[in-house]
Amino acid sequence: MNGLRLTVLVGESDTWHHRPLFAEVVHRAHRAGLAGASVFRGVEGFGASSVVHTSRLLSLSEDLPVAIVIVDTEERVRAFLPDLEELLGEEGLAVLDPVEVIRSPGPGGNDHGGDGDEGRGGEAR
């Protein structure tokens, strides 16, 4: 199945109405019915400010980079973009990449898909 990956890059301290921006993106993606969203906290990075934020320096560790990754069909991801535009404004960066989905969750959203492979090792996730 072909799909689209939306990756949103923001700072950990970016907020939307006193709530972490990354959390608002995830909750809106959920309300929009997208297949899923994951948030990954970076250990080091910089953005438009050119200030390097790193977990190695306590003074700069409060605004580490955060990546929100969402994968779904192109139509569903593109339908979510106006919501994302509202949230990001001048903050963050969003990129789209075409992807080939080789395994997706089965009915009910579990990662097993009812394929009977539960408990078998070596499966890439």
Protein backbone atom coordinates (compact mmCIF):
# COMPACT_ATOMS: atom_id res chain seq x y z
CA MET A 1 0.00 0.00 0.00
CA ASN A 2 1.29 3.46 -0.84
CA GLY A 3 0.99 6.19 1.74
CA LEU A 4 2.36 9.50 2.89
CA ARG A 5 4.58 10.16 5.91
CA LEU A 6 4.19 13.49 7.64
CA THR A 7 7.10 14.42 9.89
CA VAL A 8 6.69 17.49 12.07
CA LEU A 9 9.78 18.92 13.75
CA VAL A 10 9.26 21.24 16.73
CA GLY A 11 10.94 22.17 19.97
CA GLU A 12 10.00 20.36 23.14
CA SER A 13 9.05 23.65 24.82
CA ASP A 14 6.81 24.87 21.95
CA THR A 15 3.23 25.23 23.17
CA TRP A 16 -0.31 25.65 21.88
CA HIS A 17 -2.57 27.36 24.43
CA HIS A 18 -0.33 26.33 27.36
CA ARG A 19 -0.17 22.70 26.18
CA PRO A 20 2.86 21.06 24.55
CA LEU A 21 2.59 21.57 20.79
CA PHE A 22 3.58 17.97 20.06
CA ALA A 23 0.72 16.72 22.26
CA GLU A 24 -1.79 18.95 20.47
CA VAL A 25 -0.63 17.64 17.08
CA VAL A 26 -1.03 14.03 18.26
CA HIS A 27 -4.48 14.63 19.73
CA ARG A 28 -5.71 16.42 16.61
CA ALA A 29 -4.33 13.63 14.42
CA HIS A 30 -6.24 11.15 16.58
CA ARG A 31 -9.46 13.18 16.32
CA ALA A 32 -8.96 13.39 12.55
CA GLY A 33 -8.96 9.59 12.39
CA LEU A 34 -5.40 9.20 11.15
CA ALA A 35 -3.88 5.73 11.45
CA GLY A 36 -1.38 6.73 14.13
CA ALA A 37 1.17 9.23 15.37
CA SER A 38 4.39 8.79 17.31
CA VAL A 39 6.52 11.39 19.07
CA PHE A 40 10.29 11.02 19.23
CA ARG A 41 12.47 13.17 21.48
CA GLY A 42 15.83 14.11 20.03
CA VAL A 43 19.08 14.25 21.94
CA GLU A 44 20.53 17.15 19.99
CA GLY A 45 19.55 19.56 17.23
CA PHE A 46 19.04 23.12 16.05
CA GLY A 47 16.47 24.95 14.03
CA ALA A 48 15.83 28.40 12.62
CA SER A 49 17.36 30.06 15.70
CA SER A 50 20.69 28.29 14.98
CA VAL A 51 21.01 27.56 18.70
CA VAL A 52 22.15 23.98 19.29
CA HIS A 53 20.04 22.27 21.94
CA THR A 54 21.51 19.16 23.49
CA SER A 55 20.79 16.80 26.35
CA ARG A 56 24.50 16.95 27.24
CA LEU A 57 24.33 20.53 28.52
CA LEU A 58 21.90 21.07 31.36
CA SER A 59 21.42 24.73 30.49
CA LEU A 60 20.05 23.91 27.02
CA SER A 61 18.31 20.60 27.69
CA GLU A 62 14.85 22.09 28.25
CA ASP A 63 14.10 22.63 24.55
CA LEU A 64 15.22 19.46 22.82
CA PRO A 65 14.03 18.69 19.29
CA VAL A 66 10.86 16.62 18.92
CA ALA A 67 9.71 14.75 15.81
CA ILE A 68 6.08 13.75 15.34
CA VAL A 69 5.66 11.06 12.67
CA ILE A 70 2.29 10.27 11.10
CA VAL A 71 1.73 7.73 8.30
CA ASP A 72 -1.54 7.22 6.48
CA THR A 73 -2.99 7.45 2.98
CA GLU A 74 -2.10 10.54 0.99
CA GLU A 75 -5.70 11.76 1.03
CA ARG A 76 -6.03 11.51 4.83
CA VAL A 77 -2.66 13.13 5.54
CA ARG A 78 -3.32 15.99 3.11
CA ALA A 79 -6.75 16.54 4.69
CA PHE A 80 -4.97 17.00 8.04
CA LEU A 81 -2.59 19.70 6.75
CA PRO A 82 -4.92 22.69 7.41
CA ASP A 83 -5.10 21.65 11.10
CA LEU A 84 -1.33 21.41 11.17
CA GLU A 85 -0.90 24.82 9.51
CA GLU A 86 -3.06 26.35 12.23
CA LEU A 87 -0.94 24.76 14.95
CA LEU A 88 2.50 25.45 13.54
CA GLY A 89 2.16 29.05 12.40
CA GLU A 90 5.75 30.28 12.55
CA GLU A 91 6.89 27.35 14.72
CA GLY A 92 8.38 24.11 13.51
CA LEU A 93 8.83 22.45 10.17
CA ALA A 94 6.70 19.84 8.41
CA VAL A 95 7.81 17.54 5.60
CA LEU A 96 5.96 14.99 3.49
CA ASP A 97 7.50 11.83 2.07
CA PRO A 98 5.86 9.15 -0.07
CA VAL A 99 6.16 5.76 1.62
CA GLU A 100 5.33 2.17 0.88
CA VAL A 101 3.54 0.62 3.84
CA ILE A 102 4.47 -3.04 4.07
CA ARG A 103 2.59 -3.81 7.27
CA SER A 104 -0.22 -1.97 8.95
CA PRO A 105 -2.23 -2.61 12.13
CA GLY A 106 -5.16 -4.93 11.78
CA PRO A 107 -8.76 -4.17 12.78
CA GLY A 108 -9.00 -2.56 16.17
CA GLY A 109 -5.61 -0.89 15.82
CA ASN A 110 -3.49 -3.62 17.41
CA ASP A 111 -0.04 -4.35 16.06
CA HIS A 112 -0.72 -8.06 15.61
CA GLY A 113 -3.13 -7.80 12.70
CA GLY A 114 -4.54 -11.22 13.52
CA ASP A 115 -1.85 -12.92 11.45
CA GLY A 116 -0.96 -15.51 14.08
CA ASP A 117 2.65 -14.34 14.36
CA GLU A 118 2.40 -13.29 17.99
CA GLY A 119 5.48 -14.26 19.95
CA ARG A 120 7.71 -14.87 16.91
CA GLY A 121 11.00 -13.01 16.87
CA GLY A 122 12.75 -11.19 14.06
CA GLU A 123 9.83 -9.05 12.97
CA ALA A 124 10.72 -5.45 12.09
CA ARG A 125 8.48 -2.80 13.54
